[in-house]
């Protein structure tokens, strides 16, 4: 099933993201994560690309296939193109088709210090166009978006224009990077709609349960931290359990507000932690069908 078919005016899409085990761990270690998450019955689970530097996506494809075949949940395979050639992508597409995976999250990907990027794909929109040319109709292609503007964009306007290019290239819906101020997301969606972006936009939510996690993620994606979030961090810092519970509560409040504002869907960055995902699910599940 293609994920674009999940969007329906009568309900909101609910999806999760996981990442493969690091290279030094066997792939079977992902079973514990999936055994805990599949009971939540999300609409789909996306799988990030590569394990410990893998460049062929084999582990991602294996896990995405397992999600669909073993757990009966639709899956989405990430493909970041910055370090891939066209031949690399062709090989990945062939593997996906052989395994019956119909959904791809097409990304440019992060630059790796000390590694020269391949030059076949300058932007995610180039990858989206290439997939449609190589395998017309075979895949539903999702894209990423940044509510607070991509760190490398020259301006917010340029970033929105790039989002429209992705849509025009064939992206069927977008998943947002994490954010901690819902007003930022609402403003972003309003500007995107005004620029002609009409496909669904899922809100990406990450529950923050420790200071190290938030420092790393905000450095990577440039998300700003509102004062109420910083106050929470300061007050509960040093108490591991309290910080975890406060982070869960903050994410729940974000989701409740987003659903009340008729967001297209929620994409939860699980960090492979079923306990936290389950706590959030228990607090919000009944709201998705309202």
C-alpha atoms as a PDB file:
ATOM      1  CA  UNK A   1       0.000   0.000   0.000  1.00  0.00           C
ATOM      2  CA  UNK A   2       1.242   3.470  -0.840  1.00  0.00           C
ATOM      3  CA  UNK A   3       1.280   5.839   2.123  1.00  0.00           C
ATOM      4  CA  UNK A   4      -0.428   8.668   0.263  1.00  0.00           C
ATOM      5  CA  UNK A   5      -3.577   6.519   0.303  1.00  0.00           C
ATOM      6  CA  UNK A   6      -3.636   6.725   4.112  1.00  0.00           C
ATOM      7  CA  UNK A   7      -4.589  10.382   4.218  1.00  0.00           C
ATOM      8  CA  UNK A   8      -8.318  10.757   4.775  1.00  0.00           C
ATOM      9  CA  UNK A   9     -10.359  13.710   5.958  1.00  0.00           C
ATOM     10  CA  UNK A  10     -12.046  11.489   8.560  1.00  0.00           C
ATOM     11  CA  UNK A  11      -8.834  10.657  10.453  1.00  0.00           C
ATOM     12  CA  UNK A  12      -5.245  11.675  11.033  1.00  0.00           C
ATOM     13  CA  UNK A  13      -2.205   9.693   9.947  1.00  0.00           C
ATOM     14  CA  UNK A  14       0.007   8.357  12.733  1.00  0.00           C
ATOM     15  CA  UNK A  15       3.493   7.117  11.855  1.00  0.00           C
ATOM     16  CA  UNK A  16       6.745   6.195  13.571  1.00  0.00           C
ATOM     17  CA  UNK A  17      10.428   6.324  12.682  1.00  0.00           C
ATOM     18  CA  UNK A  18      13.126   3.861  13.705  1.00  0.00           C
ATOM     19  CA  UNK A  19      16.790   3.395  12.815  1.00  0.00           C
ATOM     20  CA  UNK A  20      18.761   0.195  12.078  1.00  0.00           C
ATOM     21  CA  UNK A  21      21.166  -1.270  14.657  1.00  0.00           C
ATOM     22  CA  UNK A  22      24.751  -0.064  14.570  1.00  0.00           C
ATOM     23  CA  UNK A  23      27.126  -2.122  12.481  1.00  0.00           C
ATOM     24  CA  UNK A  24      28.592  -3.989  15.461  1.00  0.00           C
ATOM     25  CA  UNK A  25      25.164  -5.333  16.453  1.00  0.00           C
ATOM     26  CA  UNK A  26      23.253  -8.073  14.617  1.00  0.00           C
ATOM     27  CA  UNK A  27      20.092  -7.038  12.802  1.00  0.00           C
ATOM     28  CA  UNK A  28      18.088  -9.252  15.162  1.00  0.00           C
ATOM     29  CA  UNK A  29      18.522  -6.622  17.886  1.00  0.00           C
ATOM     30  CA  UNK A  30      15.832  -4.579  16.129  1.00  0.00           C
ATOM     31  CA  UNK A  31      13.261  -7.221  17.097  1.00  0.00           C
ATOM     32  CA  UNK A  32      13.015  -5.869  20.638  1.00  0.00           C
ATOM     33  CA  UNK A  33      12.194  -2.416  19.289  1.00  0.00           C
ATOM     34  CA  UNK A  34       9.657  -3.682  16.753  1.00  0.00           C
ATOM     35  CA  UNK A  35       8.061  -6.106  19.206  1.00  0.00           C
ATOM     36  CA  UNK A  36       7.365  -3.121  21.450  1.00  0.00           C
ATOM     37  CA  UNK A  37       6.230  -0.745  18.707  1.00  0.00           C
ATOM     38  CA  UNK A  38       4.004  -2.880  16.512  1.00  0.00           C
ATOM     39  CA  UNK A  39       1.323  -3.076  19.209  1.00  0.00           C
ATOM     40  CA  UNK A  40       0.788   0.659  18.667  1.00  0.00           C
ATOM     41  CA  UNK A  41      -0.500  -0.139  15.145  1.00  0.00           C
ATOM     42  CA  UNK A  42       0.844   2.954  13.397  1.00  0.00           C
ATOM     43  CA  UNK A  43      -0.193   3.642   9.823  1.00  0.00           C
ATOM     44  CA  UNK A  44       3.425   3.176   8.754  1.00  0.00           C
ATOM     45  CA  UNK A  45       6.957   2.933  10.120  1.00  0.00           C
ATOM     46  CA  UNK A  46       9.852   4.590   8.330  1.00  0.00           C
ATOM     47  CA  UNK A  47      13.374   3.197   8.534  1.00  0.00           C
ATOM     48  CA  UNK A  48      16.427   5.438   8.296  1.00  0.00           C
ATOM     49  CA  UNK A  49      19.214   4.565   5.869  1.00  0.00           C
ATOM     50  CA  UNK A  50      22.175   2.352   6.600  1.00  0.00           C
ATOM     51  CA  UNK A  51      23.649   0.890   9.738  1.00  0.00           C
ATOM     52  CA  UNK A  52      26.973   2.194  10.949  1.00  0.00           C
ATOM     53  CA  UNK A  53      27.882   3.705   7.619  1.00  0.00           C
ATOM     54  CA  UNK A  54      26.336   1.180   5.259  1.00  0.00           C
ATOM     55  CA  UNK A  55      26.072   2.683   1.794  1.00  0.00           C
ATOM     56  CA  UNK A  56      23.815   0.209   0.026  1.00  0.00           C
ATOM     57  CA  UNK A  57      20.717   0.396   2.241  1.00  0.00           C
ATOM     58  CA  UNK A  58      20.579  -3.395   2.610  1.00  0.00           C
ATOM     59  CA  UNK A  59      19.825  -3.295   6.328  1.00  0.00           C
ATOM     60  CA  UNK A  60      17.170  -0.629   5.825  1.00  0.00           C
ATOM     61  CA  UNK A  61      15.479  -2.720   3.141  1.00  0.00           C
ATOM     62  CA  UNK A  62      15.659  -5.850   5.276  1.00  0.00           C
ATOM     63  CA  UNK A  63      14.021  -4.118   8.234  1.00  0.00           C
ATOM     64  CA  UNK A  64      11.404  -2.391   6.067  1.00  0.00           C
ATOM     65  CA  UNK A  65      10.490  -5.776   4.580  1.00  0.00           C
ATOM     66  CA  UNK A  66      10.259  -7.316   8.047  1.00  0.00           C
ATOM     67  CA  UNK A  67       7.955  -4.517   9.254  1.00  0.00           C
ATOM     68  CA  UNK A  68       5.541  -5.246   6.435  1.00  0.00           C
ATOM     69  CA  UNK A  69       5.779  -9.043   6.274  1.00  0.00           C
ATOM     70  CA  UNK A  70       6.272 -10.013   9.927  1.00  0.00           C
ATOM     71  CA  UNK A  71       4.342  -7.243  11.669  1.00  0.00           C
ATOM     72  CA  UNK A  72       1.739  -6.356   9.036  1.00  0.00           C
ATOM     73  CA  UNK A  73       2.514  -2.628   9.058  1.00  0.00           C
ATOM     74  CA  UNK A  74       3.280  -0.524   5.992  1.00  0.00           C
ATOM     75  CA  UNK A  75       6.906   0.604   5.787  1.00  0.00           C
ATOM     76  CA  UNK A  76       8.893   3.446   4.249  1.00  0.00           C
ATOM     77  CA  UNK A  77      12.586   3.167   3.333  1.00  0.00           C
ATOM     78  CA  UNK A  78      14.760   6.271   3.570  1.00  0.00           C
ATOM     79  CA  UNK A  79      17.163   7.038   0.718  1.00  0.00           C
ATOM     80  CA  UNK A  80      19.627   9.933   1.266  1.00  0.00           C
ATOM     81  CA  UNK A  81      21.257  10.699  -2.067  1.00  0.00           C
ATOM     82  CA  UNK A  82      24.207  12.958  -1.222  1.00  0.00           C
ATOM     83  CA  UNK A  83      26.683  10.064  -1.208  1.00  0.00           C
ATOM     84  CA  UNK A  84      24.985   7.862  -3.812  1.00  0.00           C
ATOM     85  CA  UNK A  85      25.511   7.566  -7.557  1.00  0.00           C
ATOM     86  CA  UNK A  86      22.694   6.941 -10.009  1.00  0.00           C
ATOM     87  CA  UNK A  87      23.847   3.330 -10.266  1.00  0.00           C
ATOM     88  CA  UNK A  88      23.675   3.040  -6.460  1.00  0.00           C
ATOM     89  CA  UNK A  89      20.094   4.280  -6.484  1.00  0.00           C
ATOM     90  CA  UNK A  90      19.124   1.993  -9.359  1.00  0.00           C
ATOM     91  CA  UNK A  91      20.408  -0.973  -7.357  1.00  0.00           C
ATOM     92  CA  UNK A  92      18.465   0.139  -4.269  1.00  0.00           C
ATOM     93  CA  UNK A  93      15.269   0.594  -6.287  1.00  0.00           C
ATOM     94  CA  UNK A  94      15.647  -2.893  -7.727  1.00  0.00           C
ATOM     95  CA  UNK A  95      16.051  -4.339  -4.227  1.00  0.00           C
ATOM     96  CA  UNK A  96      13.011  -2.441  -2.978  1.00  0.00           C
ATOM     97  CA  UNK A  97      10.878  -3.700  -5.846  1.00  0.00           C
ATOM     98  CA  UNK A  98      12.056  -7.286  -5.337  1.00  0.00           C
ATOM     99  CA  UNK A  99      11.007  -7.012  -1.696  1.00  0.00           C
ATOM    100  CA  UNK A 100       7.665  -5.358  -2.453  1.00  0.00           C
ATOM    101  CA  UNK A 101       8.496  -2.052  -0.727  1.00  0.00           C
ATOM    102  CA  UNK A 102       6.402   0.694  -2.337  1.00  0.00           C
ATOM    103  CA  UNK A 103       7.299   3.748  -0.238  1.00  0.00           C
ATOM    104  CA  UNK A 104      10.468   5.856  -0.181  1.00  0.00           C
ATOM    105  CA  UNK A 105      11.442   8.919   1.841  1.00  0.00           C
ATOM    106  CA  UNK A 106      13.716  10.755  -0.597  1.00  0.00           C
ATOM    107  CA  UNK A 107      16.342  12.901   1.135  1.00  0.00           C
ATOM    108  CA  UNK A 108      19.441  14.787   0.180  1.00  0.00           C
ATOM    109  CA  UNK A 109      21.067  13.649   3.446  1.00  0.00           C
ATOM    110  CA  UNK A 110      23.638  15.208   5.728  1.00  0.00           C
ATOM    111  CA  UNK A 111      27.123  16.112   4.604  1.00  0.00           C
ATOM    112  CA  UNK A 112      29.823  13.954   6.165  1.00  0.00           C
ATOM    113  CA  UNK A 113      32.924  15.798   7.301  1.00  0.00           C
ATOM    114  CA  UNK A 114      35.949  14.700   5.317  1.00  0.00           C
ATOM    115  CA  UNK A 115      33.887  12.957   2.654  1.00  0.00           C
ATOM    116  CA  UNK A 116      33.358  14.438  -0.775  1.00  0.00           C
ATOM    117  CA  UNK A 117      29.705  14.079  -1.836  1.00  0.00           C
ATOM    118  CA  UNK A 118      28.808  12.324  -5.063  1.00  0.00           C
ATOM    119  CA  UNK A 119      27.654  14.748  -7.718  1.00  0.00           C
ATOM    120  CA  UNK A 120      24.805  12.801  -9.302  1.00  0.00           C
ATOM    121  CA  UNK A 121      22.165  14.336  -7.018  1.00  0.00           C
ATOM    122  CA  UNK A 122      22.520  17.898  -5.785  1.00  0.00           C
ATOM    123  CA  UNK A 123      19.075  18.049  -4.174  1.00  0.00           C
ATOM    124  CA  UNK A 124      16.346  15.717  -2.931  1.00  0.00           C
ATOM    125  CA  UNK A 125      14.164  16.929  -5.797  1.00  0.00           C
ATOM    126  CA  UNK A 126      16.739  15.469  -8.226  1.00  0.00           C
ATOM    127  CA  UNK A 127      16.372  12.092  -6.499  1.00  0.00           C
ATOM    128  CA  UNK A 128      12.572  12.305  -6.609  1.00  0.00           C
ATOM    129  CA  UNK A 129      12.614  13.011 -10.349  1.00  0.00           C
ATOM    130  CA  UNK A 130      15.107  10.212 -10.957  1.00  0.00           C
ATOM    131  CA  UNK A 131      12.999   7.640  -9.100  1.00  0.00           C
ATOM    132  CA  UNK A 132       9.924   8.585 -11.115  1.00  0.00           C
ATOM    133  CA  UNK A 133      11.919   8.287 -14.348  1.00  0.00           C
ATOM    134  CA  UNK A 134      13.526   4.955 -13.429  1.00  0.00           C
ATOM    135  CA  UNK A 135      10.436   3.298 -11.971  1.00  0.00           C
ATOM    136  CA  UNK A 136       7.329   5.220 -13.041  1.00  0.00           C
ATOM    137  CA  UNK A 137       4.375   4.460 -10.799  1.00  0.00           C
ATOM    138  CA  UNK A 138       6.279   1.912  -8.707  1.00  0.00           C
ATOM    139  CA  UNK A 139       6.819   4.034  -5.609  1.00  0.00           C
ATOM    140  CA  UNK A 140       5.097   6.571  -3.438  1.00  0.00           C
ATOM    141  CA  UNK A 141       7.775   9.169  -2.739  1.00  0.00           C
ATOM    142  CA  UNK A 142       7.746  11.216   0.454  1.00  0.00           C
ATOM    143  CA  UNK A 143       9.872  14.277   1.153  1.00  0.00           C
ATOM    144  CA  UNK A 144      11.228  16.104   4.193  1.00  0.00           C
ATOM    145  CA  UNK A 145      10.604  19.688   5.255  1.00  0.00           C
ATOM    146  CA  UNK A 146      12.018  22.075   7.844  1.00  0.00           C
ATOM    147  CA  UNK A 147       9.572  24.243   9.816  1.00  0.00           C
ATOM    148  CA  UNK A 148      12.457  26.482  10.888  1.00  0.00           C
ATOM    149  CA  UNK A 149      14.172  26.469   7.461  1.00  0.00           C
ATOM    150  CA  UNK A 150      16.885  24.106   6.294  1.00  0.00           C
ATOM    151  CA  UNK A 151      20.223  25.116   7.870  1.00  0.00           C
ATOM    152  CA  UNK A 152      21.816  25.526   4.433  1.00  0.00           C
ATOM    153  CA  UNK A 153      18.984  27.531   2.852  1.00  0.00           C
ATOM    154  CA  UNK A 154      19.735  31.192   2.133  1.00  0.00           C
ATOM    155  CA  UNK A 155      16.288  32.252   3.340  1.00  0.00           C
ATOM    156  CA  UNK A 156      12.942  30.906   4.502  1.00  0.00           C
ATOM    157  CA  UNK A 157      11.467  31.916   1.145  1.00  0.00           C
ATOM    158  CA  UNK A 158      14.102  29.921  -0.744  1.00  0.00           C
ATOM    159  CA  UNK A 159      13.436  26.917   1.457  1.00  0.00           C
ATOM    160  CA  UNK A 160       9.687  27.038   0.772  1.00  0.00           C
ATOM    161  CA  UNK A 161      10.391  27.393  -2.950  1.00  0.00           C
ATOM    162  CA  UNK A 162      12.559  24.252  -2.771  1.00  0.00           C
ATOM    163  CA  UNK A 163       9.664  22.435  -1.083  1.00  0.00           C
ATOM    164  CA  UNK A 164       7.409  23.364  -4.009  1.00  0.00           C
ATOM    165  CA  UNK A 165      10.055  22.019  -6.396  1.00  0.00           C
ATOM    166  CA  UNK A 166       9.983  18.690  -4.512  1.00  0.00           C
ATOM    167  CA  UNK A 167       6.202  18.575  -4.823  1.00  0.00           C
ATOM    168  CA  UNK A 168       6.365  19.369  -8.527  1.00  0.00           C
ATOM    169  CA  UNK A 169       8.993  16.634  -8.964  1.00  0.00           C
ATOM    170  CA  UNK A 170       6.510  14.134  -7.539  1.00  0.00           C
ATOM    171  CA  UNK A 171       6.622  14.128  -3.730  1.00  0.00           C
ATOM    172  CA  UNK A 172       3.223  12.951  -2.474  1.00  0.00           C
ATOM    173  CA  UNK A 173       3.522  14.211   1.087  1.00  0.00           C
ATOM    174  CA  UNK A 174       6.048  15.687   3.494  1.00  0.00           C
ATOM    175  CA  UNK A 175       7.321  14.811   6.973  1.00  0.00           C
ATOM    176  CA  UNK A 176       8.666  17.687   9.003  1.00  0.00           C
ATOM    177  CA  UNK A 177      11.874  17.864  10.953  1.00  0.00           C
ATOM    178  CA  UNK A 178      11.400  18.088  14.721  1.00  0.00           C
ATOM    179  CA  UNK A 179      10.289  21.362  16.334  1.00  0.00           C
ATOM    180  CA  UNK A 180       9.319  22.431  19.851  1.00  0.00           C
ATOM    181  CA  UNK A 181       7.079  25.427  19.249  1.00  0.00           C
ATOM    182  CA  UNK A 182       3.830  24.564  17.466  1.00  0.00           C
ATOM    183  CA  UNK A 183       3.317  28.152  16.364  1.00  0.00           C
ATOM    184  CA  UNK A 184       6.470  27.789  14.287  1.00  0.00           C
ATOM    185  CA  UNK A 185       4.941  24.790  12.526  1.00  0.00           C
ATOM    186  CA  UNK A 186       1.606  26.530  11.911  1.00  0.00           C
ATOM    187  CA  UNK A 187       3.380  29.528  10.406  1.00  0.00           C
ATOM    188  CA  UNK A 188       5.468  27.242   8.206  1.00  0.00           C
ATOM    189  CA  UNK A 189       2.415  25.354   6.903  1.00  0.00           C
ATOM    190  CA  UNK A 190       0.624  28.632   6.196  1.00  0.00           C
ATOM    191  CA  UNK A 191       3.557  29.917   4.146  1.00  0.00           C
ATOM    192  CA  UNK A 192       3.911  26.609   2.311  1.00  0.00           C
ATOM    193  CA  UNK A 193       0.216  26.589   1.373  1.00  0.00           C
ATOM    194  CA  UNK A 194       0.452  30.187   0.155  1.00  0.00           C
ATOM    195  CA  UNK A 195       3.365  29.132  -2.073  1.00  0.00           C
ATOM    196  CA  UNK A 196       1.317  26.354  -3.671  1.00  0.00           C
ATOM    197  CA  UNK A 197       2.398  23.361  -1.579  1.00  0.00           C
ATOM    198  CA  UNK A 198      -0.850  21.386  -1.406  1.00  0.00           C
ATOM    199  CA  UNK A 199       0.175  17.842  -0.420  1.00  0.00           C
ATOM    200  CA  UNK A 200      -0.200  16.609   3.195  1.00  0.00           C
ATOM    201  CA  UNK A 201       2.411  17.716   5.741  1.00  0.00           C
ATOM    202  CA  UNK A 202       2.982  15.496   8.764  1.00  0.00           C
ATOM    203  CA  UNK A 203       4.350  17.099  11.935  1.00  0.00           C
ATOM    204  CA  UNK A 204       7.532  15.436  13.182  1.00  0.00           C
ATOM    205  CA  UNK A 205       7.621  15.139  16.980  1.00  0.00           C
ATOM    206  CA  UNK A 206      10.561  13.988  19.066  1.00  0.00           C
ATOM    207  CA  UNK A 207      10.135  13.413  22.807  1.00  0.00           C
ATOM    208  CA  UNK A 208      13.268  14.728  24.514  1.00  0.00           C
ATOM    209  CA  UNK A 209      14.251  12.744  27.591  1.00  0.00           C
ATOM    210  CA  UNK A 210      17.763  14.016  28.337  1.00  0.00           C
ATOM    211  CA  UNK A 211      19.923  17.105  27.800  1.00  0.00           C
ATOM    212  CA  UNK A 212      22.517  15.343  25.642  1.00  0.00           C
ATOM    213  CA  UNK A 213      19.827  14.252  23.205  1.00  0.00           C
ATOM    214  CA  UNK A 214      18.447  17.751  22.691  1.00  0.00           C
ATOM    215  CA  UNK A 215      21.856  19.347  22.329  1.00  0.00           C
ATOM    216  CA  UNK A 216      22.777  16.862  19.593  1.00  0.00           C
ATOM    217  CA  UNK A 217      19.490  17.150  17.702  1.00  0.00           C
ATOM    218  CA  UNK A 218      19.281  20.931  17.738  1.00  0.00           C
ATOM    219  CA  UNK A 219      22.851  21.101  16.445  1.00  0.00           C
ATOM    220  CA  UNK A 220      21.960  18.788  13.544  1.00  0.00           C
ATOM    221  CA  UNK A 221      18.651  20.332  12.481  1.00  0.00           C
ATOM    222  CA  UNK A 222      18.740  23.869  13.892  1.00  0.00           C
ATOM    223  CA  UNK A 223      15.511  23.631  15.906  1.00  0.00           C
ATOM    224  CA  UNK A 224      15.047  26.489  18.371  1.00  0.00           C
ATOM    225  CA  UNK A 225      14.052  25.957  21.979  1.00  0.00           C
ATOM    226  CA  UNK A 226      11.174  28.054  23.410  1.00  0.00           C
ATOM    227  CA  UNK A 227      11.469  29.364  26.954  1.00  0.00           C
ATOM    228  CA  UNK A 228       8.876  26.948  28.355  1.00  0.00           C
ATOM    229  CA  UNK A 229      10.943  24.061  27.025  1.00  0.00           C
ATOM    230  CA  UNK A 230      14.160  25.490  28.455  1.00  0.00           C
ATOM    231  CA  UNK A 231      12.465  25.988  31.817  1.00  0.00           C
ATOM    232  CA  UNK A 232      11.503  22.321  31.827  1.00  0.00           C
ATOM    233  CA  UNK A 233      15.061  21.294  31.018  1.00  0.00           C
ATOM    234  CA  UNK A 234      16.514  23.460  33.773  1.00  0.00           C
ATOM    235  CA  UNK A 235      14.022  22.391  36.421  1.00  0.00           C
ATOM    236  CA  UNK A 236      14.225  18.630  35.857  1.00  0.00           C
ATOM    237  CA  UNK A 237      17.876  18.369  34.820  1.00  0.00           C
ATOM    238  CA  UNK A 238      19.673  15.896  37.088  1.00  0.00           C
ATOM    239  CA  UNK A 239      16.584  13.769  37.734  1.00  0.00           C
ATOM    240  CA  UNK A 240      16.562  11.147  34.998  1.00  0.00           C
ATOM    241  CA  UNK A 241      13.049   9.851  35.623  1.00  0.00           C
ATOM    242  CA  UNK A 242      11.531  13.296  36.025  1.00  0.00           C
ATOM    243  CA  UNK A 243      13.242  14.521  32.837  1.00  0.00           C
ATOM    244  CA  UNK A 244      11.907  11.531  30.907  1.00  0.00           C
ATOM    245  CA  UNK A 245       8.352  12.053  32.174  1.00  0.00           C
ATOM    246  CA  UNK A 246       8.512  15.802  31.518  1.00  0.00           C
ATOM    247  CA  UNK A 247       9.772  15.188  27.972  1.00  0.00           C
ATOM    248  CA  UNK A 248       6.930  12.763  27.325  1.00  0.00           C
ATOM    249  CA  UNK A 249       4.397  15.245  28.716  1.00  0.00           C
ATOM    250  CA  UNK A 250       5.785  18.027  26.514  1.00  0.00           C
ATOM    251  CA  UNK A 251       5.492  15.842  23.389  1.00  0.00           C
ATOM    252  CA  UNK A 252       1.949  14.803  24.347  1.00  0.00           C
ATOM    253  CA  UNK A 253       0.936  18.458  24.752  1.00  0.00           C
ATOM    254  CA  UNK A 254       2.400  19.254  21.344  1.00  0.00           C
ATOM    255  CA  UNK A 255       0.468  16.417  19.715  1.00  0.00           C
ATOM    256  CA  UNK A 256      -2.831  17.344  21.396  1.00  0.00           C
ATOM    257  CA  UNK A 257      -2.486  20.931  20.198  1.00  0.00           C
ATOM    258  CA  UNK A 258      -1.482  19.869  16.674  1.00  0.00           C
ATOM    259  CA  UNK A 259      -4.468  17.559  16.341  1.00  0.00           C
ATOM    260  CA  UNK A 260      -6.774  20.299  17.635  1.00  0.00           C
ATOM    261  CA  UNK A 261      -5.387  22.491  14.832  1.00  0.00           C
ATOM    262  CA  UNK A 262      -6.269  19.846  12.219  1.00  0.00           C
ATOM    263  CA  UNK A 263      -2.721  18.776  11.337  1.00  0.00           C
ATOM    264  CA  UNK A 264      -2.509  16.211   8.520  1.00  0.00           C
ATOM    265  CA  UNK A 265      -0.669  13.693  10.670  1.00  0.00           C
ATOM    266  CA  UNK A 266       1.888  13.023  13.389  1.00  0.00           C
ATOM    267  CA  UNK A 267       5.249  11.372  12.741  1.00  0.00           C
ATOM    268  CA  UNK A 268       6.884  10.278  15.995  1.00  0.00           C
ATOM    269  CA  UNK A 269      10.670   9.992  16.128  1.00  0.00           C
ATOM    270  CA  UNK A 270      10.850   7.015  18.496  1.00  0.00           C
ATOM    271  CA  UNK A 271      14.654   6.824  18.907  1.00  0.00           C
ATOM    272  CA  UNK A 272      13.992   3.055  19.044  1.00  0.00           C
ATOM    273  CA  UNK A 273      12.451   3.437  22.515  1.00  0.00           C
ATOM    274  CA  UNK A 274       9.152   1.507  22.728  1.00  0.00           C
ATOM    275  CA  UNK A 275       8.473   2.578  26.327  1.00  0.00           C
ATOM    276  CA  UNK A 276       8.405   6.268  25.508  1.00  0.00           C
ATOM    277  CA  UNK A 277       6.438   5.730  22.288  1.00  0.00           C
ATOM    278  CA  UNK A 278       3.886   3.629  24.186  1.00  0.00           C
ATOM    279  CA  UNK A 279       3.409   6.277  26.879  1.00  0.00           C
ATOM    280  CA  UNK A 280       2.752   8.900  24.206  1.00  0.00           C
ATOM    281  CA  UNK A 281       0.427   6.570  22.314  1.00  0.00           C
ATOM    282  CA  UNK A 282      -1.613   5.828  25.435  1.00  0.00           C
ATOM    283  CA  UNK A 283      -2.127   9.548  26.041  1.00  0.00           C
ATOM    284  CA  UNK A 284      -3.100  10.474  22.475  1.00  0.00           C
ATOM    285  CA  UNK A 285      -4.388   7.428  20.558  1.00  0.00           C
ATOM    286  CA  UNK A 286      -8.106   8.199  21.024  1.00  0.00           C
ATOM    287  CA  UNK A 287      -7.620  11.647  19.471  1.00  0.00           C
ATOM    288  CA  UNK A 288      -6.567  10.441  16.017  1.00  0.00           C
ATOM    289  CA  UNK A 289     -10.015   9.297  14.942  1.00  0.00           C
ATOM    290  CA  UNK A 290     -11.833  12.424  16.140  1.00  0.00           C
END
